[in-house]
Amino acid sequence: MEQGLTLRGFSAGYPKHKVIENLNIAPLPRGEITVLLGPNGCGKSTLLRALAGLNKGQGEMWLNGEDLITQPFARRAKNVVYLPQSLPAGVHLHVLESIIVAQRASGGLHSAGSEAEIMHLLEQLGIAHLAMRYLDQLSGGQKQLVGLAQSLIRRPALLLLDEPLSALDLNYQFHVMDLVRRETALRNIVTVVVVHDINIALRHAQHALMLKQGALVAEGQPDKVITPGTLAKVYGVNGRIEHCSRGIPQVMIDGLTGPALV
């Protein structure tokens, strides 16, 4: 049985406009973070939503040997968890209650042991002190961290995170990516994360996909995908990869290859 996430001839989008067309992706590995890169409007969020079953997808989509396309939505939702850029507004639940609800949604039964697991997860995320706060009282960054806790407590086989760092400061960006990497390896899941900061991709991910206008430009190890050539082709910038004193690669942008992309 083929492990990981595989797409063959996969298309997704809207009735009159396909955003992703005929995408072929070799198995995305379990236990590793795959970052999804590309400019605004290239199809990153559309692809995540299609993988989650929220947008209609066509073609083949296999997860650990199971055909996701033909699965009923309820069954897919037990194995695939999608975290959007922001939680729905107006939810008046305690943080702890919201995570218990997420746990039950995946078929888990709440118990003293599971509550201890939730509190441990909140401590790892640095938000245990928010357990009895209401969701609608939290900042955008705090809500994103709660959303991540809700996602991880469901123990998915495929975790889809759409810009989980957008409302977080530098400290929490590093903290969250470090935690997601550890949990991905510990739980042996497939994690796909949309990020805009290419340096975060180079530092924290083990695999990368780069899209442009719904098509796959490059895939593989981040330092093989993120090159001066792909930066010019996909982002329209003159860039170079430099290594810091610790040997960590970083992208330096020197200018644009032409007019700004819109």
C-alpha atoms as a PDB file:
ATOM      1  CA  MET A   1       0.000   0.000   0.000  1.00  0.00           C
ATOM      2  CA  GLU A   2       1.398   3.372  -1.081  1.00  0.00           C
ATOM      3  CA  GLN A   3       1.920   5.635   1.915  1.00  0.00           C
ATOM      4  CA  GLY A   4       1.573   9.406   1.973  1.00  0.00           C
ATOM      5  CA  LEU A   5      -0.527  11.694  -0.241  1.00  0.00           C
ATOM      6  CA  THR A   6      -0.542  11.220  -4.021  1.00  0.00           C
ATOM      7  CA  LEU A   7      -2.327  13.273  -6.702  1.00  0.00           C
ATOM      8  CA  ARG A   8      -2.720  12.153 -10.309  1.00  0.00           C
ATOM      9  CA  GLY A   9      -4.370  14.291 -12.960  1.00  0.00           C
ATOM     10  CA  PHE A  10      -5.957  16.337 -10.184  1.00  0.00           C
ATOM     11  CA  SER A  11      -8.007  19.446 -10.951  1.00  0.00           C
ATOM     12  CA  ALA A  12      -9.950  21.793  -8.693  1.00  0.00           C
ATOM     13  CA  GLY A  13     -11.575  25.201  -8.674  1.00  0.00           C
ATOM     14  CA  TYR A  14     -14.982  26.575  -9.562  1.00  0.00           C
ATOM     15  CA  PRO A  15     -17.669  25.523 -12.069  1.00  0.00           C
ATOM     16  CA  LYS A  16     -16.544  28.021 -14.714  1.00  0.00           C
ATOM     17  CA  HIS A  17     -12.905  28.356 -13.732  1.00  0.00           C
ATOM     18  CA  LYS A  18     -10.384  25.648 -12.933  1.00  0.00           C
ATOM     19  CA  VAL A  19      -7.668  27.002 -10.652  1.00  0.00           C
ATOM     20  CA  ILE A  20      -5.702  23.747 -10.372  1.00  0.00           C
ATOM     21  CA  GLU A  21      -5.530  21.646 -13.527  1.00  0.00           C
ATOM     22  CA  ASN A  22      -3.998  18.223 -14.154  1.00  0.00           C
ATOM     23  CA  LEU A  23      -1.729  18.283 -11.103  1.00  0.00           C
ATOM     24  CA  ASN A  24       0.517  15.275 -10.548  1.00  0.00           C
ATOM     25  CA  ILE A  25       2.324  14.970  -7.223  1.00  0.00           C
ATOM     26  CA  ALA A  26       4.441  12.029  -6.109  1.00  0.00           C
ATOM     27  CA  PRO A  27       3.667  10.752  -2.599  1.00  0.00           C
ATOM     28  CA  LEU A  28       4.064  13.509  -0.026  1.00  0.00           C
ATOM     29  CA  PRO A  29       5.839  11.728   2.830  1.00  0.00           C
ATOM     30  CA  ARG A  30       4.329  10.861   6.189  1.00  0.00           C
ATOM     31  CA  GLY A  31       6.075  12.290   9.236  1.00  0.00           C
ATOM     32  CA  GLU A  32       7.313  15.357   7.351  1.00  0.00           C
ATOM     33  CA  ILE A  33       6.153  18.915   6.715  1.00  0.00           C
ATOM     34  CA  THR A  34       5.480  19.833   3.099  1.00  0.00           C
ATOM     35  CA  VAL A  35       5.273  23.567   2.435  1.00  0.00           C
ATOM     36  CA  LEU A  36       3.112  24.900  -0.372  1.00  0.00           C
ATOM     37  CA  LEU A  37       4.719  27.938  -2.005  1.00  0.00           C
ATOM     38  CA  GLY A  38       3.718  30.370  -4.723  1.00  0.00           C
ATOM     39  CA  PRO A  39       2.459  33.904  -5.351  1.00  0.00           C
ATOM     40  CA  ASN A  40      -0.989  35.169  -4.411  1.00  0.00           C
ATOM     41  CA  GLY A  41      -3.731  33.627  -6.522  1.00  0.00           C
ATOM     42  CA  CYS A  42      -1.693  30.641  -7.717  1.00  0.00           C
ATOM     43  CA  GLY A  43      -4.102  28.090  -6.190  1.00  0.00           C
ATOM     44  CA  LYS A  44      -2.581  27.229  -2.819  1.00  0.00           C
ATOM     45  CA  SER A  45      -5.751  27.714  -0.751  1.00  0.00           C
ATOM     46  CA  THR A  46      -7.912  26.191  -3.491  1.00  0.00           C
ATOM     47  CA  LEU A  47      -5.749  23.075  -3.431  1.00  0.00           C
ATOM     48  CA  LEU A  48      -5.973  22.748   0.361  1.00  0.00           C
ATOM     49  CA  ARG A  49      -9.745  23.170   0.323  1.00  0.00           C
ATOM     50  CA  ALA A  50     -10.071  20.563  -2.429  1.00  0.00           C
ATOM     51  CA  LEU A  51      -7.938  18.110  -0.454  1.00  0.00           C
ATOM     52  CA  ALA A  52     -10.248  18.682   2.512  1.00  0.00           C
ATOM     53  CA  GLY A  53     -13.348  18.118   0.362  1.00  0.00           C
ATOM     54  CA  LEU A  54     -14.578  21.716   0.668  1.00  0.00           C
ATOM     55  CA  ASN A  55     -13.977  22.437  -3.030  1.00  0.00           C
ATOM     56  CA  LYS A  56     -14.820  19.852  -5.661  1.00  0.00           C
ATOM     57  CA  GLY A  57     -11.795  17.975  -6.939  1.00  0.00           C
ATOM     58  CA  GLN A  58     -11.464  15.742  -9.986  1.00  0.00           C
ATOM     59  CA  GLY A  59      -8.861  13.118 -10.743  1.00  0.00           C
ATOM     60  CA  GLU A  60      -7.087  10.818  -8.331  1.00  0.00           C
ATOM     61  CA  MET A  61      -6.300  11.631  -4.708  1.00  0.00           C
ATOM     62  CA  TRP A  62      -4.859   8.849  -2.568  1.00  0.00           C
ATOM     63  CA  LEU A  63      -4.002   8.981   1.127  1.00  0.00           C
ATOM     64  CA  ASN A  64      -2.119   5.985   2.505  1.00  0.00           C
ATOM     65  CA  GLY A  65      -3.640   3.776  -0.175  1.00  0.00           C
ATOM     66  CA  GLU A  66      -7.235   5.019   0.229  1.00  0.00           C
ATOM     67  CA  ASP A  67      -9.091   6.901  -2.506  1.00  0.00           C
ATOM     68  CA  LEU A  68     -10.235  10.188  -0.938  1.00  0.00           C
ATOM     69  CA  ILE A  69     -12.203  11.321  -3.990  1.00  0.00           C
ATOM     70  CA  THR A  70     -14.827   8.591  -3.578  1.00  0.00           C
ATOM     71  CA  GLN A  71     -15.072   8.826   0.209  1.00  0.00           C
ATOM     72  CA  PRO A  72     -18.145  10.442   1.774  1.00  0.00           C
ATOM     73  CA  PHE A  73     -17.312  13.824   3.284  1.00  0.00           C
ATOM     74  CA  ALA A  74     -17.962  12.631   6.860  1.00  0.00           C
ATOM     75  CA  ARG A  75     -15.464   9.800   6.507  1.00  0.00           C
ATOM     76  CA  ARG A  76     -12.850  12.029   4.894  1.00  0.00           C
ATOM     77  CA  ALA A  77     -13.258  14.585   7.697  1.00  0.00           C
ATOM     78  CA  LYS A  78     -12.157  11.980  10.254  1.00  0.00           C
ATOM     79  CA  ASN A  79      -8.807  11.567   8.513  1.00  0.00           C
ATOM     80  CA  VAL A  80      -8.285  14.989   6.954  1.00  0.00           C
ATOM     81  CA  VAL A  81      -8.238  18.175   9.043  1.00  0.00           C
ATOM     82  CA  TYR A  82      -8.161  21.607   7.421  1.00  0.00           C
ATOM     83  CA  LEU A  83      -7.313  24.755   9.374  1.00  0.00           C
ATOM     84  CA  PRO A  84      -8.293  27.948   7.494  1.00  0.00           C
ATOM     85  CA  GLN A  85      -6.545  31.256   7.922  1.00  0.00           C
ATOM     86  CA  SER A  86      -8.988  32.309  10.642  1.00  0.00           C
ATOM     87  CA  LEU A  87     -11.620  30.652  12.837  1.00  0.00           C
ATOM     88  CA  PRO A  88     -15.295  31.526  12.318  1.00  0.00           C
ATOM     89  CA  ALA A  89     -16.319  34.706  14.110  1.00  0.00           C
ATOM     90  CA  GLY A  90     -18.863  34.836  16.910  1.00  0.00           C
ATOM     91  CA  VAL A  91     -18.209  31.422  18.509  1.00  0.00           C
ATOM     92  CA  HIS A  92     -18.982  31.813  22.223  1.00  0.00           C
ATOM     93  CA  LEU A  93     -17.222  28.781  23.715  1.00  0.00           C
ATOM     94  CA  HIS A  94     -14.402  28.428  26.195  1.00  0.00           C
ATOM     95  CA  VAL A  95     -11.123  27.428  24.560  1.00  0.00           C
ATOM     96  CA  LEU A  96     -11.169  24.113  26.450  1.00  0.00           C
ATOM     97  CA  GLU A  97     -14.759  23.427  25.361  1.00  0.00           C
ATOM     98  CA  SER A  98     -13.946  24.131  21.728  1.00  0.00           C
ATOM     99  CA  ILE A  99     -11.119  21.611  21.744  1.00  0.00           C
ATOM    100  CA  ILE A 100     -13.301  18.987  23.423  1.00  0.00           C
ATOM    101  CA  VAL A 101     -15.874  19.557  20.644  1.00  0.00           C
ATOM    102  CA  ALA A 102     -13.140  19.088  18.029  1.00  0.00           C
ATOM    103  CA  GLN A 103     -12.008  15.890  19.734  1.00  0.00           C
ATOM    104  CA  ARG A 104     -15.539  14.476  19.710  1.00  0.00           C
ATOM    105  CA  ALA A 105     -15.989  15.453  16.065  1.00  0.00           C
ATOM    106  CA  SER A 106     -13.271  12.970  15.160  1.00  0.00           C
ATOM    107  CA  GLY A 107     -14.896  10.171  17.161  1.00  0.00           C
ATOM    108  CA  GLY A 108     -12.895  10.614  20.359  1.00  0.00           C
ATOM    109  CA  LEU A 109     -14.574  10.234  23.750  1.00  0.00           C
ATOM    110  CA  HIS A 110     -13.907  12.874  26.369  1.00  0.00           C
ATOM    111  CA  SER A 111     -12.412  11.663  29.651  1.00  0.00           C
ATOM    112  CA  ALA A 112     -10.108  12.832  32.418  1.00  0.00           C
ATOM    113  CA  GLY A 113      -7.218  11.425  30.383  1.00  0.00           C
ATOM    114  CA  SER A 114      -8.228  13.271  27.240  1.00  0.00           C
ATOM    115  CA  GLU A 115      -8.627  16.524  29.184  1.00  0.00           C
ATOM    116  CA  ALA A 116      -5.089  16.067  30.484  1.00  0.00           C
ATOM    117  CA  GLU A 117      -3.949  15.551  26.874  1.00  0.00           C
ATOM    118  CA  ILE A 118      -5.699  18.774  25.852  1.00  0.00           C
ATOM    119  CA  MET A 119      -4.098  20.755  28.660  1.00  0.00           C
ATOM    120  CA  HIS A 120      -0.686  19.331  27.758  1.00  0.00           C
ATOM    121  CA  LEU A 121      -1.207  20.423  24.143  1.00  0.00           C
ATOM    122  CA  LEU A 122      -2.253  23.908  25.264  1.00  0.00           C
ATOM    123  CA  GLU A 123       0.867  24.109  27.427  1.00  0.00           C
ATOM    124  CA  GLN A 124       3.038  23.140  24.459  1.00  0.00           C
ATOM    125  CA  LEU A 125       1.418  25.925  22.451  1.00  0.00           C
ATOM    126  CA  GLY A 126       1.913  28.380  25.308  1.00  0.00           C
ATOM    127  CA  ILE A 127      -1.813  29.086  25.716  1.00  0.00           C
ATOM    128  CA  ALA A 128      -2.800  26.959  28.743  1.00  0.00           C
ATOM    129  CA  HIS A 129      -3.697  30.189  30.542  1.00  0.00           C
ATOM    130  CA  LEU A 130      -6.430  30.763  27.929  1.00  0.00           C
ATOM    131  CA  ALA A 131      -8.275  27.485  28.614  1.00  0.00           C
ATOM    132  CA  MET A 132     -11.253  29.166  30.280  1.00  0.00           C
ATOM    133  CA  ARG A 133     -11.307  32.253  28.076  1.00  0.00           C
ATOM    134  CA  TYR A 134     -14.000  32.595  25.421  1.00  0.00           C
ATOM    135  CA  LEU A 135     -12.974  32.306  21.781  1.00  0.00           C
ATOM    136  CA  ASP A 136     -14.625  35.604  20.896  1.00  0.00           C
ATOM    137  CA  GLN A 137     -12.409  37.350  23.464  1.00  0.00           C
ATOM    138  CA  LEU A 138      -9.136  36.247  21.859  1.00  0.00           C
ATOM    139  CA  SER A 139      -6.785  38.058  19.502  1.00  0.00           C
ATOM    140  CA  GLY A 140      -6.295  36.817  15.954  1.00  0.00           C
ATOM    141  CA  GLY A 141      -3.001  35.160  16.847  1.00  0.00           C
ATOM    142  CA  GLN A 142      -4.479  33.455  19.906  1.00  0.00           C
ATOM    143  CA  LYS A 143      -7.364  32.123  17.802  1.00  0.00           C
ATOM    144  CA  GLN A 144      -4.896  30.650  15.322  1.00  0.00           C
ATOM    145  CA  LEU A 145      -3.125  28.814  18.127  1.00  0.00           C
ATOM    146  CA  VAL A 146      -6.447  27.481  19.426  1.00  0.00           C
ATOM    147  CA  GLY A 147      -7.298  26.364  15.887  1.00  0.00           C
ATOM    148  CA  LEU A 148      -4.026  24.472  15.721  1.00  0.00           C
ATOM    149  CA  ALA A 149      -4.828  22.770  19.036  1.00  0.00           C
ATOM    150  CA  GLN A 150      -8.281  21.815  17.694  1.00  0.00           C
ATOM    151  CA  SER A 151      -6.627  20.337  14.598  1.00  0.00           C
ATOM    152  CA  LEU A 152      -3.942  18.323  16.400  1.00  0.00           C
ATOM    153  CA  ILE A 153      -6.316  16.893  19.019  1.00  0.00           C
ATOM    154  CA  ARG A 154      -8.263  15.206  16.226  1.00  0.00           C
ATOM    155  CA  ARG A 155      -5.202  13.086  15.318  1.00  0.00           C
ATOM    156  CA  PRO A 156      -5.570  13.405  11.532  1.00  0.00           C
ATOM    157  CA  ALA A 157      -3.765  11.356   8.915  1.00  0.00           C
ATOM    158  CA  LEU A 158      -3.558  14.506   6.758  1.00  0.00           C
ATOM    159  CA  LEU A 159      -3.181  17.959   8.333  1.00  0.00           C
ATOM    160  CA  LEU A 160      -3.763  20.997   6.089  1.00  0.00           C
ATOM    161  CA  LEU A 161      -2.721  24.396   7.481  1.00  0.00           C
ATOM    162  CA  ASP A 162      -3.519  27.524   5.446  1.00  0.00           C
ATOM    163  CA  GLU A 163      -1.145  30.300   6.510  1.00  0.00           C
ATOM    164  CA  PRO A 164      -1.121  29.364  10.217  1.00  0.00           C
ATOM    165  CA  LEU A 165       1.571  31.981  10.946  1.00  0.00           C
ATOM    166  CA  SER A 166      -0.092  35.044   9.419  1.00  0.00           C
ATOM    167  CA  ALA A 167      -1.216  36.582  12.730  1.00  0.00           C
ATOM    168  CA  LEU A 168       1.718  35.425  14.860  1.00  0.00           C
ATOM    169  CA  ASP A 169       4.794  37.336  15.971  1.00  0.00           C
ATOM    170  CA  LEU A 170       8.325  36.061  15.288  1.00  0.00           C
ATOM    171  CA  ASN A 171       8.526  34.165  18.591  1.00  0.00           C
ATOM    172  CA  TYR A 172       5.323  32.231  17.975  1.00  0.00           C
ATOM    173  CA  GLN A 173       6.086  31.653  14.299  1.00  0.00           C
ATOM    174  CA  PHE A 174       9.218  29.725  15.240  1.00  0.00           C
ATOM    175  CA  HIS A 175       7.483  28.058  18.196  1.00  0.00           C
ATOM    176  CA  VAL A 176       4.504  26.867  16.140  1.00  0.00           C
ATOM    177  CA  MET A 177       6.558  25.536  13.231  1.00  0.00           C
ATOM    178  CA  ASP A 178       8.835  23.704  15.648  1.00  0.00           C
ATOM    179  CA  LEU A 179       5.799  22.155  17.378  1.00  0.00           C
ATOM    180  CA  VAL A 180       4.107  21.196  14.099  1.00  0.00           C
ATOM    181  CA  ARG A 181       7.305  19.538  12.922  1.00  0.00           C
ATOM    182  CA  ARG A 182       7.604  17.531  16.153  1.00  0.00           C
ATOM    183  CA  GLU A 183       3.934  16.485  16.160  1.00  0.00           C
ATOM    184  CA  THR A 184       4.041  15.570  12.468  1.00  0.00           C
ATOM    185  CA  ALA A 185       6.974  13.243  13.093  1.00  0.00           C
ATOM    186  CA  LEU A 186       5.544  11.848  16.354  1.00  0.00           C
ATOM    187  CA  ARG A 187       2.135  11.073  14.848  1.00  0.00           C
ATOM    188  CA  ASN A 188       3.572  10.045  11.441  1.00  0.00           C
ATOM    189  CA  ILE A 189       1.079  12.202   9.551  1.00  0.00           C
ATOM    190  CA  VAL A 190       1.200  14.073   6.257  1.00  0.00           C
ATOM    191  CA  THR A 191       1.273  17.820   6.952  1.00  0.00           C
ATOM    192  CA  VAL A 192       0.861  20.423   4.209  1.00  0.00           C
ATOM    193  CA  VAL A 193       1.383  24.061   5.194  1.00  0.00           C
ATOM    194  CA  VAL A 194       0.865  27.213   3.122  1.00  0.00           C
ATOM    195  CA  VAL A 195       3.496  29.815   3.998  1.00  0.00           C
ATOM    196  CA  HIS A 196       4.596  33.053   2.356  1.00  0.00           C
ATOM    197  CA  ASP A 197       7.903  33.380   4.189  1.00  0.00           C
ATOM    198  CA  ILE A 198      10.329  31.353   2.092  1.00  0.00           C
ATOM    199  CA  ASN A 199      12.970  31.421   4.828  1.00  0.00           C
ATOM    200  CA  ILE A 200      10.542  29.624   7.150  1.00  0.00           C
ATOM    201  CA  ALA A 201      10.127  26.980   4.456  1.00  0.00           C
ATOM    202  CA  LEU A 202      13.902  26.539   4.175  1.00  0.00           C
ATOM    203  CA  ARG A 203      14.352  26.249   7.918  1.00  0.00           C
ATOM    204  CA  HIS A 204      11.391  24.160   9.074  1.00  0.00           C
ATOM    205  CA  ALA A 205      10.146  22.000   6.182  1.00  0.00           C
ATOM    206  CA  GLN A 206      11.481  18.775   4.731  1.00  0.00           C
ATOM    207  CA  HIS A 207       9.556  18.917   1.455  1.00  0.00           C
ATOM    208  CA  ALA A 208       8.264  21.723  -0.772  1.00  0.00           C
ATOM    209  CA  LEU A 209       5.856  22.239  -3.662  1.00  0.00           C
ATOM    210  CA  MET A 210       5.992  25.446  -5.696  1.00  0.00           C
ATOM    211  CA  LEU A 211       2.970  26.487  -7.775  1.00  0.00           C
ATOM    212  CA  LYS A 212       2.392  29.113 -10.421  1.00  0.00           C
ATOM    213  CA  GLN A 213      -1.032  29.705 -11.983  1.00  0.00           C
ATOM    214  CA  GLY A 214      -2.289  26.350 -10.714  1.00  0.00           C
ATOM    215  CA  ALA A 215       0.596  24.336 -12.159  1.00  0.00           C
ATOM    216  CA  LEU A 216       3.448  22.614 -10.362  1.00  0.00           C
ATOM    217  CA  VAL A 217       6.787  24.286 -11.079  1.00  0.00           C
ATOM    218  CA  ALA A 218       9.039  22.323  -8.714  1.00  0.00           C
ATOM    219  CA  GLU A 219       8.884  19.794  -5.885  1.00  0.00           C
ATOM    220  CA  GLY A 220      11.402  18.145  -3.589  1.00  0.00           C
ATOM    221  CA  GLN A 221      13.648  19.239  -0.761  1.00  0.00           C
ATOM    222  CA  PRO A 222      13.166  22.962  -0.012  1.00  0.00           C
ATOM    223  CA  ASP A 223      16.758  23.886  -0.897  1.00  0.00           C
ATOM    224  CA  LYS A 224      16.325  22.153  -4.269  1.00  0.00           C
ATOM    225  CA  VAL A 225      12.968  23.827  -4.968  1.00  0.00           C
ATOM    226  CA  ILE A 226      13.872  27.343  -3.812  1.00  0.00           C
ATOM    227  CA  THR A 227      16.554  28.481  -6.239  1.00  0.00           C
ATOM    228  CA  PRO A 228      17.398  31.711  -8.088  1.00  0.00           C
ATOM    229  CA  GLY A 229      15.751  30.192 -11.157  1.00  0.00           C
ATOM    230  CA  THR A 230      12.428  29.329  -9.501  1.00  0.00           C
ATOM    231  CA  LEU A 231      12.347  32.635  -7.591  1.00  0.00           C
ATOM    232  CA  ALA A 232      12.651  34.475 -10.915  1.00  0.00           C
ATOM    233  CA  LYS A 233      10.145  32.273 -12.740  1.00  0.00           C
ATOM    234  CA  VAL A 234       7.473  32.112 -10.037  1.00  0.00           C
ATOM    235  CA  TYR A 235       7.867  35.332  -8.039  1.00  0.00           C
ATOM    236  CA  GLY A 236       9.493  37.621 -10.598  1.00  0.00           C
ATOM    237  CA  VAL A 237      12.417  38.523  -8.335  1.00  0.00           C
ATOM    238  CA  ASN A 238      16.178  38.382  -8.601  1.00  0.00           C
ATOM    239  CA  GLY A 239      17.154  36.333  -5.565  1.00  0.00           C
ATOM    240  CA  ARG A 240      20.066  34.369  -4.226  1.00  0.00           C
ATOM    241  CA  ILE A 241      20.504  31.780  -1.507  1.00  0.00           C
ATOM    242  CA  GLU A 242      23.076  32.623   1.140  1.00  0.00           C
ATOM    243  CA  HIS A 243      24.099  30.577   4.172  1.00  0.00           C
ATOM    244  CA  CYS A 244      24.424  32.124   7.619  1.00  0.00           C
ATOM    245  CA  SER A 245      27.262  31.354  10.052  1.00  0.00           C
ATOM    246  CA  ARG A 246      25.318  28.286  11.224  1.00  0.00           C
ATOM    247  CA  GLY A 247      24.961  26.966   7.691  1.00  0.00           C
ATOM    248  CA  ILE A 248      21.223  27.711   7.452  1.00  0.00           C
ATOM    249  CA  PRO A 249      20.172  28.851   3.942  1.00  0.00           C
ATOM    250  CA  GLN A 250      18.395  32.190   3.604  1.00  0.00           C
ATOM    251  CA  VAL A 251      16.860  33.953   0.624  1.00  0.00           C
ATOM    252  CA  MET A 252      18.142  37.415  -0.234  1.00  0.00           C
ATOM    253  CA  ILE A 253      16.171  39.497  -2.731  1.00  0.00           C
ATOM    254  CA  ASP A 254      18.113  41.969  -4.868  1.00  0.00           C
ATOM    255  CA  GLY A 255      15.304  43.317  -7.015  1.00  0.00           C
ATOM    256  CA  LEU A 256      12.564  42.528  -9.533  1.00  0.00           C
ATOM    257  CA  THR A 257      12.975  40.822 -12.880  1.00  0.00           C
ATOM    258  CA  GLY A 258      10.339  43.103 -14.373  1.00  0.00           C
ATOM    259  CA  PRO A 259       7.066  44.902 -13.441  1.00  0.00           C
ATOM    260  CA  ALA A 260       5.429  43.947 -10.165  1.00  0.00           C
ATOM    261  CA  LEU A 261       3.169  40.889 -10.424  1.00  0.00           C
ATOM    262  CA  VAL A 262      -0.559  41.420  -9.836  1.00  0.00           C
END
